[in-house]
Amino acid sequence: MNKNRLLWASRRGMLELDLILQPFTQNHYDSLEESDQLRYETLLECEDQNLFLWLMNREQAKDPDTQRIVQIIRDSRTKPGNI
């Protein structure tokens, strides 16, 4: 998926998700391994409510690949320099 489509797909129906996914797409997506880029693209097909629960660490995704990319996103937010 090209970067513009990814940025558009990262815009969700919840502000909380927008504030997580859009910066991740802009700042970290390009540095992911290809397999993790594919995981991210698949993650964007998930329902907002599930994304919210996973990204807020209220639940864990049952699928290990999904949980991997969720953890990568969470970790990206705790690195120095990130808000």
PDB file of N, CA and C in Angstrom:
ATOM      1  N   MET A   1       0.863  -1.165   0.000  1.00  0.00           N
ATOM      2  CA  MET A   1       0.000   0.000   0.000  1.00  0.00           C
ATOM      3  C   MET A   1       0.917   1.238   0.000  1.00  0.00           C
ATOM      4  N   ASN A   2       0.588   2.228  -0.796  1.00  0.00           N
ATOM      5  CA  ASN A   2       1.453   3.404  -0.817  1.00  0.00           C
ATOM      6  C   ASN A   2       1.216   4.254   0.434  1.00  0.00           C
ATOM      7  N   LYS A   3       2.165   5.137   0.695  1.00  0.00           N
ATOM      8  CA  LYS A   3       2.160   5.908   1.936  1.00  0.00           C
ATOM      9  C   LYS A   3       0.917   6.784   2.083  1.00  0.00           C
ATOM     10  N   ASN A   4       0.461   7.400   1.008  1.00  0.00           N
ATOM     11  CA  ASN A   4      -0.736   8.243   1.103  1.00  0.00           C
ATOM     12  C   ASN A   4      -1.965   7.436   1.492  1.00  0.00           C
ATOM     13  N   ARG A   5      -2.102   6.249   0.936  1.00  0.00           N
ATOM     14  CA  ARG A   5      -3.231   5.391   1.313  1.00  0.00           C
ATOM     15  C   ARG A   5      -3.127   4.951   2.763  1.00  0.00           C
ATOM     16  N   LEU A   6      -1.909   4.652   3.198  1.00  0.00           N
ATOM     17  CA  LEU A   6      -1.702   4.273   4.594  1.00  0.00           C
ATOM     18  C   LEU A   6      -2.080   5.415   5.537  1.00  0.00           C
ATOM     19  N   LEU A   7      -1.661   6.603   5.197  1.00  0.00           N
ATOM     20  CA  LEU A   7      -2.016   7.749   6.041  1.00  0.00           C
ATOM     21  C   LEU A   7      -3.528   7.937   6.092  1.00  0.00           C
ATOM     22  N   TRP A   8      -4.186   7.756   4.962  1.00  0.00           N
ATOM     23  CA  TRP A   8      -5.642   7.877   4.926  1.00  0.00           C
ATOM     24  C   TRP A   8      -6.279   6.760   5.765  1.00  0.00           C
ATOM     25  N   ALA A   9      -5.791   5.534   5.622  1.00  0.00           N
ATOM     26  CA  ALA A   9      -6.342   4.400   6.374  1.00  0.00           C
ATOM     27  C   ALA A   9      -6.074   4.548   7.874  1.00  0.00           C
ATOM     28  N   SER A  10      -5.044   5.295   8.223  1.00  0.00           N
ATOM     29  CA  SER A  10      -4.717   5.518   9.634  1.00  0.00           C
ATOM     30  C   SER A  10      -5.649   6.528  10.288  1.00  0.00           C
ATOM     31  N   ARG A  11      -6.425   7.231   9.491  1.00  0.00           N
ATOM     32  CA  ARG A  11      -7.442   8.141  10.034  1.00  0.00           C
ATOM     33  C   ARG A  11      -8.653   7.292  10.402  1.00  0.00           C
ATOM     34  N   ARG A  12      -9.015   7.335  11.654  1.00  0.00           N
ATOM     35  CA  ARG A  12     -10.065   6.459  12.153  1.00  0.00           C
ATOM     36  C   ARG A  12     -11.255   7.276  12.639  1.00  0.00           C
ATOM     37  N   GLY A  13     -12.231   6.588  13.181  1.00  0.00           N
ATOM     38  CA  GLY A  13     -13.411   7.244  13.717  1.00  0.00           C
ATOM     39  C   GLY A  13     -13.245   7.706  15.148  1.00  0.00           C
ATOM     40  N   MET A  14     -12.093   7.425  15.739  1.00  0.00           N
ATOM     41  CA  MET A  14     -11.832   7.814  17.132  1.00  0.00           C
ATOM     42  C   MET A  14     -10.582   8.689  17.171  1.00  0.00           C
ATOM     43  N   LEU A  15     -10.691   9.828  17.806  1.00  0.00           N
ATOM     44  CA  LEU A  15      -9.558  10.733  17.921  1.00  0.00           C
ATOM     45  C   LEU A  15      -8.364  10.043  18.578  1.00  0.00           C
ATOM     46  N   GLU A  16      -8.626   9.232  19.584  1.00  0.00           N
ATOM     47  CA  GLU A  16      -7.545   8.548  20.296  1.00  0.00           C
ATOM     48  C   GLU A  16      -6.718   7.699  19.339  1.00  0.00           C
ATOM     49  N   LEU A  17      -7.386   7.031  18.417  1.00  0.00           N
ATOM     50  CA  LEU A  17      -6.668   6.199  17.447  1.00  0.00           C
ATOM     51  C   LEU A  17      -5.914   7.055  16.448  1.00  0.00           C
ATOM     52  N   ASP A  18      -6.510   8.143  16.020  1.00  0.00           N
ATOM     53  CA  ASP A  18      -5.823   9.062  15.102  1.00  0.00           C
ATOM     54  C   ASP A  18      -4.511   9.553  15.708  1.00  0.00           C
ATOM     55  N   LEU A  19      -4.536   9.864  16.995  1.00  0.00           N
ATOM     56  CA  LEU A  19      -3.359  10.401  17.671  1.00  0.00           C
ATOM     57  C   LEU A  19      -2.253   9.369  17.849  1.00  0.00           C
ATOM     58  N   ILE A  20      -2.585   8.112  17.690  1.00  0.00           N
ATOM     59  CA  ILE A  20      -1.592   7.036  17.782  1.00  0.00           C
ATOM     60  C   ILE A  20      -1.157   6.583  16.388  1.00  0.00           C
ATOM     61  N   LEU A  21      -2.124   6.291  15.540  1.00  0.00           N
ATOM     62  CA  LEU A  21      -1.816   5.662  14.253  1.00  0.00           C
ATOM     63  C   LEU A  21      -1.204   6.610  13.228  1.00  0.00           C
ATOM     64  N   GLN A  22      -1.690   7.828  13.157  1.00  0.00           N
ATOM     65  CA  GLN A  22      -1.136   8.751  12.160  1.00  0.00           C
ATOM     66  C   GLN A  22       0.335   9.072  12.420  1.00  0.00           C
ATOM     67  N   PRO A  23       0.720   9.424  13.645  1.00  0.00           N
ATOM     68  CA  PRO A  23       2.153   9.656  13.883  1.00  0.00           C
ATOM     69  C   PRO A  23       2.995   8.398  13.658  1.00  0.00           C
ATOM     70  N   PHE A  24       2.455   7.241  14.026  1.00  0.00           N
ATOM     71  CA  PHE A  24       3.201   6.003  13.801  1.00  0.00           C
ATOM     72  C   PHE A  24       3.451   5.807  12.310  1.00  0.00           C
ATOM     73  N   THR A  25       2.427   6.024  11.501  1.00  0.00           N
ATOM     74  CA  THR A  25       2.574   5.862  10.053  1.00  0.00           C
ATOM     75  C   THR A  25       3.602   6.850   9.510  1.00  0.00           C
ATOM     76  N   GLN A  26       3.528   8.079   9.950  1.00  0.00           N
ATOM     77  CA  GLN A  26       4.446   9.107   9.456  1.00  0.00           C
ATOM     78  C   GLN A  26       5.881   8.900   9.920  1.00  0.00           C
ATOM     79  N   ASN A  27       6.067   8.464  11.156  1.00  0.00           N
ATOM     80  CA  ASN A  27       7.401   8.448  11.755  1.00  0.00           C
ATOM     81  C   ASN A  27       8.084   7.093  11.842  1.00  0.00           C
ATOM     82  N   HIS A  28       7.324   5.996  11.773  1.00  0.00           N
ATOM     83  CA  HIS A  28       7.926   4.689  12.032  1.00  0.00           C
ATOM     84  C   HIS A  28       7.682   3.639  10.958  1.00  0.00           C
ATOM     85  N   TYR A  29       6.613   3.788  10.197  1.00  0.00           N
ATOM     86  CA  TYR A  29       6.241   2.753   9.225  1.00  0.00           C
ATOM     87  C   TYR A  29       7.381   2.429   8.266  1.00  0.00           C
ATOM     88  N   ASP A  30       8.044   3.445   7.726  1.00  0.00           N
ATOM     89  CA  ASP A  30       9.090   3.223   6.734  1.00  0.00           C
ATOM     90  C   ASP A  30      10.267   2.429   7.280  1.00  0.00           C
ATOM     91  N   SER A  31      10.502   2.487   8.564  1.00  0.00           N
ATOM     92  CA  SER A  31      11.637   1.780   9.155  1.00  0.00           C
ATOM     93  C   SER A  31      11.299   0.340   9.573  1.00  0.00           C
ATOM     94  N   LEU A  32      10.041  -0.056   9.437  1.00  0.00           N
ATOM     95  CA  LEU A  32       9.644  -1.429   9.777  1.00  0.00           C
ATOM     96  C   LEU A  32      10.167  -2.419   8.745  1.00  0.00           C
ATOM     97  N   GLU A  33      10.395  -3.638   9.193  1.00  0.00           N
ATOM     98  CA  GLU A  33      10.686  -4.724   8.259  1.00  0.00           C
ATOM     99  C   GLU A  33       9.444  -4.932   7.399  1.00  0.00           C
ATOM    100  N   GLU A  34       9.637  -5.483   6.221  1.00  0.00           N
ATOM    101  CA  GLU A  34       8.511  -5.675   5.299  1.00  0.00           C
ATOM    102  C   GLU A  34       7.397  -6.502   5.926  1.00  0.00           C
ATOM    103  N   SER A  35       7.752  -7.528   6.684  1.00  0.00           N
ATOM    104  CA  SER A  35       6.725  -8.368   7.312  1.00  0.00           C
ATOM    105  C   SER A  35       5.903  -7.569   8.321  1.00  0.00           C
ATOM    106  N   ASP A  36       6.550  -6.652   9.046  1.00  0.00           N
ATOM    107  CA  ASP A  36       5.819  -5.822   9.998  1.00  0.00           C
ATOM    108  C   ASP A  36       4.993  -4.757   9.280  1.00  0.00           C
ATOM    109  N   GLN A  37       5.460  -4.281   8.143  1.00  0.00           N
ATOM    110  CA  GLN A  37       4.650  -3.356   7.347  1.00  0.00           C
ATOM    111  C   GLN A  37       3.360  -4.042   6.913  1.00  0.00           C
ATOM    112  N   LEU A  38       3.465  -5.291   6.511  1.00  0.00           N
ATOM    113  CA  LEU A  38       2.269  -6.047   6.123  1.00  0.00           C
ATOM    114  C   LEU A  38       1.352  -6.265   7.315  1.00  0.00           C
ATOM    115  N   ARG A  39       1.925  -6.526   8.475  1.00  0.00           N
ATOM    116  CA  ARG A  39       1.117  -6.677   9.690  1.00  0.00           C
ATOM    117  C   ARG A  39       0.360  -5.376   9.991  1.00  0.00           C
ATOM    118  N   TYR A  40       1.041  -4.253   9.804  1.00  0.00           N
ATOM    119  CA  TYR A  40       0.396  -2.960  10.055  1.00  0.00           C
ATOM    120  C   TYR A  40      -0.763  -2.736   9.083  1.00  0.00           C
ATOM    121  N   GLU A  41      -0.542  -3.038   7.833  1.00  0.00           N
ATOM    122  CA  GLU A  41      -1.606  -2.881   6.842  1.00  0.00           C
ATOM    123  C   GLU A  41      -2.809  -3.757   7.194  1.00  0.00           C
ATOM    124  N   THR A  42      -2.552  -4.956   7.656  1.00  0.00           N
ATOM    125  CA  THR A  42      -3.627  -5.861   8.079  1.00  0.00           C
ATOM    126  C   THR A  42      -4.313  -5.311   9.327  1.00  0.00           C
ATOM    127  N   LEU A  43      -3.539  -4.755  10.244  1.00  0.00           N
ATOM    128  CA  LEU A  43      -4.104  -4.180  11.467  1.00  0.00           C
ATOM    129  C   LEU A  43      -5.118  -3.084  11.140  1.00  0.00           C
ATOM    130  N   LEU A  44      -4.827  -2.299  10.123  1.00  0.00           N
ATOM    131  CA  LEU A  44      -5.721  -1.198   9.769  1.00  0.00           C
ATOM    132  C   LEU A  44      -7.078  -1.671   9.258  1.00  0.00           C
ATOM    133  N   GLU A  45      -7.207  -2.943   8.964  1.00  0.00           N
ATOM    134  CA  GLU A  45      -8.487  -3.508   8.543  1.00  0.00           C
ATOM    135  C   GLU A  45      -9.360  -3.885   9.735  1.00  0.00           C
ATOM    136  N   CYS A  46      -8.829  -3.817  10.932  1.00  0.00           N
ATOM    137  CA  CYS A  46      -9.563  -4.202  12.140  1.00  0.00           C
ATOM    138  C   CYS A  46     -10.534  -3.096  12.561  1.00  0.00           C
ATOM    139  N   GLU A  47     -11.503  -3.494  13.351  1.00  0.00           N
ATOM    140  CA  GLU A  47     -12.502  -2.561  13.880  1.00  0.00           C
ATOM    141  C   GLU A  47     -11.863  -1.595  14.877  1.00  0.00           C
ATOM    142  N   ASP A  48     -12.345  -0.367  14.859  1.00  0.00           N
ATOM    143  CA  ASP A  48     -11.809   0.660  15.758  1.00  0.00           C
ATOM    144  C   ASP A  48     -11.867   0.240  17.224  1.00  0.00           C
ATOM    145  N   GLN A  49     -12.960  -0.358  17.624  1.00  0.00           N
ATOM    146  CA  GLN A  49     -13.101  -0.736  19.034  1.00  0.00           C
ATOM    147  C   GLN A  49     -12.016  -1.724  19.454  1.00  0.00           C
ATOM    148  N   ASN A  50     -11.713  -2.697  18.591  1.00  0.00           N
ATOM    149  CA  ASN A  50     -10.640  -3.647  18.895  1.00  0.00           C
ATOM    150  C   ASN A  50      -9.292  -2.937  18.940  1.00  0.00           C
ATOM    151  N   LEU A  51      -9.042  -2.079  17.961  1.00  0.00           N
ATOM    152  CA  LEU A  51      -7.785  -1.333  17.949  1.00  0.00           C
ATOM    153  C   LEU A  51      -7.610  -0.533  19.236  1.00  0.00           C
ATOM    154  N   PHE A  52      -8.672   0.118  19.651  1.00  0.00           N
ATOM    155  CA  PHE A  52      -8.616   0.909  20.873  1.00  0.00           C
ATOM    156  C   PHE A  52      -8.250   0.034  22.076  1.00  0.00           C
ATOM    157  N   LEU A  53      -8.928  -1.088  22.220  1.00  0.00           N
ATOM    158  CA  LEU A  53      -8.657  -1.972  23.355  1.00  0.00           C
ATOM    159  C   LEU A  53      -7.215  -2.483  23.335  1.00  0.00           C
ATOM    160  N   TRP A  54      -6.741  -2.858  22.167  1.00  0.00           N
ATOM    161  CA  TRP A  54      -5.375  -3.383  22.055  1.00  0.00           C
ATOM    162  C   TRP A  54      -4.339  -2.302  22.306  1.00  0.00           C
ATOM    163  N   LEU A  55      -4.520  -1.144  21.684  1.00  0.00           N
ATOM    164  CA  LEU A  55      -3.518  -0.088  21.793  1.00  0.00           C
ATOM    165  C   LEU A  55      -3.496   0.561  23.172  1.00  0.00           C
ATOM    166  N   MET A  56      -4.624   0.527  23.867  1.00  0.00           N
ATOM    167  CA  MET A  56      -4.688   1.056  25.228  1.00  0.00           C
ATOM    168  C   MET A  56      -4.303  -0.012  26.254  1.00  0.00           C
ATOM    169  N   ASN A  57      -3.918  -1.178  25.767  1.00  0.00           N
ATOM    170  CA  ASN A  57      -3.478  -2.302  26.598  1.00  0.00           C
ATOM    171  C   ASN A  57      -4.566  -2.779  27.558  1.00  0.00           C
ATOM    172  N   ARG A  58      -5.797  -2.706  27.096  1.00  0.00           N
ATOM    173  CA  ARG A  58      -6.924  -3.217  27.887  1.00  0.00           C
ATOM    174  C   ARG A  58      -7.211  -4.671  27.547  1.00  0.00           C
ATOM    175  N   GLU A  59      -6.810  -5.072  26.351  1.00  0.00           N
ATOM    176  CA  GLU A  59      -6.905  -6.467  25.904  1.00  0.00           C
ATOM    177  C   GLU A  59      -5.705  -6.745  25.031  1.00  0.00           C
ATOM    178  N   GLN A  60      -5.428  -8.042  24.843  1.00  0.00           N
ATOM    179  CA  GLN A  60      -4.402  -8.445  23.897  1.00  0.00           C
ATOM    180  C   GLN A  60      -5.072  -9.111  22.711  1.00  0.00           C
ATOM    181  N   ALA A  61      -4.522  -8.852  21.548  1.00  0.00           N
ATOM    182  CA  ALA A  61      -5.035  -9.503  20.348  1.00  0.00           C
ATOM    183  C   ALA A  61      -4.751 -10.995  20.443  1.00  0.00           C
ATOM    184  N   LYS A  62      -5.682 -11.785  19.993  1.00  0.00           N
ATOM    185  CA  LYS A  62      -5.505 -13.240  20.042  1.00  0.00           C
ATOM    186  C   LYS A  62      -4.489 -13.721  19.011  1.00  0.00           C
ATOM    187  N   ASP A  63      -4.439 -13.038  17.875  1.00  0.00           N
ATOM    188  CA  ASP A  63      -3.505 -13.399  16.812  1.00  0.00           C
ATOM    189  C   ASP A  63      -2.105 -12.876  17.154  1.00  0.00           C
ATOM    190  N   PRO A  64      -1.092 -13.741  17.170  1.00  0.00           N
ATOM    191  CA  PRO A  64       0.267 -13.303  17.537  1.00  0.00           C
ATOM    192  C   PRO A  64       0.832 -12.235  16.599  1.00  0.00           C
ATOM    193  N   ASP A  65       0.518 -12.300  15.315  1.00  0.00           N
ATOM    194  CA  ASP A  65       1.011 -11.286  14.381  1.00  0.00           C
ATOM    195  C   ASP A  65       0.396  -9.925  14.689  1.00  0.00           C
ATOM    196  N   THR A  66      -0.879  -9.924  14.996  1.00  0.00           N
ATOM    197  CA  THR A  66      -1.553  -8.678  15.355  1.00  0.00           C
ATOM    198  C   THR A  66      -0.977  -8.130  16.650  1.00  0.00           C
ATOM    199  N   GLN A  67      -0.788  -9.000  17.616  1.00  0.00           N
ATOM    200  CA  GLN A  67      -0.235  -8.559  18.898  1.00  0.00           C
ATOM    201  C   GLN A  67       1.173  -8.008  18.710  1.00  0.00           C
ATOM    202  N   ARG A  68       1.942  -8.592  17.801  1.00  0.00           N
ATOM    203  CA  ARG A  68       3.307  -8.103  17.542  1.00  0.00           C
ATOM    204  C   ARG A  68       3.281  -6.653  17.055  1.00  0.00           C
ATOM    205  N   ILE A  69       2.451  -6.348  16.076  1.00  0.00           N
ATOM    206  CA  ILE A  69       2.442  -4.988  15.538  1.00  0.00           C
ATOM    207  C   ILE A  69       1.833  -4.010  16.547  1.00  0.00           C
ATOM    208  N   VAL A  70       0.876  -4.461  17.325  1.00  0.00           N
ATOM    209  CA  VAL A  70       0.317  -3.610  18.388  1.00  0.00           C
ATOM    210  C   VAL A  70       1.428  -3.251  19.376  1.00  0.00           C
ATOM    211  N   GLN A  71       2.243  -4.215  19.736  1.00  0.00           N
ATOM    212  CA  GLN A  71       3.335  -3.954  20.678  1.00  0.00           C
ATOM    213  C   GLN A  71       4.376  -3.013  20.070  1.00  0.00           C
ATOM    214  N   ILE A  72       4.664  -3.174  18.796  1.00  0.00           N
ATOM    215  CA  ILE A  72       5.600  -2.274  18.114  1.00  0.00           C
ATOM    216  C   ILE A  72       5.072  -0.838  18.169  1.00  0.00           C
ATOM    217  N   ILE A  73       3.775  -0.683  17.917  1.00  0.00           N
ATOM    218  CA  ILE A  73       3.169   0.655  17.962  1.00  0.00           C
ATOM    219  C   ILE A  73       3.256   1.220  19.375  1.00  0.00           C
ATOM    220  N   ARG A  74       2.905   0.414  20.360  1.00  0.00           N
ATOM    221  CA  ARG A  74       2.975   0.869  21.756  1.00  0.00           C
ATOM    222  C   ARG A  74       4.405   1.263  22.125  1.00  0.00           C
ATOM    223  N   ASP A  75       5.362   0.419  21.753  1.00  0.00           N
ATOM    224  CA  ASP A  75       6.770   0.702  22.070  1.00  0.00           C
ATOM    225  C   ASP A  75       7.244   1.986  21.402  1.00  0.00           C
ATOM    226  N   SER A  76       6.747   2.260  20.210  1.00  0.00           N
ATOM    227  CA  SER A  76       7.172   3.472  19.484  1.00  0.00           C
ATOM    228  C   SER A  76       6.756   4.730  20.226  1.00  0.00           C
ATOM    229  N   ARG A  77       5.720   4.624  21.017  1.00  0.00           N
ATOM    230  CA  ARG A  77       5.204   5.791  21.744  1.00  0.00           C
ATOM    231  C   ARG A  77       5.980   6.050  23.025  1.00  0.00           C
ATOM    232  N   THR A  78       6.770   5.095  23.482  1.00  0.00           N
ATOM    233  CA  THR A  78       7.505   5.256  24.744  1.00  0.00           C
ATOM    234  C   THR A  78       8.968   5.599  24.511  1.00  0.00           C
ATOM    235  N   LYS A  79       9.395   5.676  23.254  1.00  0.00           N
ATOM    236  CA  LYS A  79      10.794   6.039  22.967  1.00  0.00           C
ATOM    237  C   LYS A  79      10.997   7.519  23.250  1.00  0.00           C
ATOM    238  N   PRO A  80      12.206   7.880  23.691  1.00  0.00           N
ATOM    239  CA  PRO A  80      12.483   9.299  23.954  1.00  0.00           C
ATOM    240  C   PRO A  80      12.176  10.156  22.741  1.00  0.00           C
ATOM    241  N   GLY A  81      11.610  11.320  23.001  1.00  0.00           N
ATOM    242  CA  GLY A  81      11.282  12.236  21.919  1.00  0.00           C
ATOM    243  C   GLY A  81       9.859  12.098  21.425  1.00  0.00           C
ATOM    244  N   ASN A  82       9.156  11.030  21.806  1.00  0.00           N
ATOM    245  CA  ASN A  82       7.757  10.837  21.417  1.00  0.00           C
ATOM    246  C   ASN A  82       6.848  11.409  22.484  1.00  0.00           C
ATOM    247  N   ILE A  83       5.732  11.890  22.063  1.00  0.00           N
ATOM    248  CA  ILE A  83       4.757  12.439  23.006  1.00  0.00           C
ATOM    249  C   ILE A  83       3.793  11.349  23.411  1.00  0.00           C
TER     250      ILE A  83
END
